[in-house]
Amino acid sequence: MYVTENSTEREVITAMHRMTHQKVVAGRKSGSIPMIQNNAKKLKEIINKNSFAKKNELLAIANRWVQKDFSKIVEDHSYLSDAQEDSICKATRAMDALEEQHYILTTFGEEKAKELYESGDAPHVQ
């Protein structure tokens, strides 16, 4: 992930928006960052160390992701998309496990997919 504690709020929102792409069905997706617990923890630390205008909202989202709670992922995506003033990338629903597995494999490749499955950051399909 390409954000640091010196990143702007806009850069953090962009990274978070790209992370949601692994979990949602949306019309058009621009960029993707793996939705892994370590990335969520890093975002939480960065948000905590800054005084962003949207700090409370971003922290609430990051806290859910650290807990692997994606029950509001469509809402999270919409919030982040709106914060970027992106009217094209609208999520319609959360992906099911098979769709997410396919997305991870085709977007990040076999090596990264294996890493995500082994770490528990990707769903296993029976």
Foldseek 3Di string as FASTA:
>chain_A
DPDALPDAPLVLLVQQLQCLVLWFDWDDHDHHDHLDLVVLVRSLVSLVSDDHPCSVVSNVVSVCSNVVNCVCSQVSNVVSCVVVVNPRTHTDGTDDQVSSLVCCCVPVHDVVSVVCVVVVNGDDDD
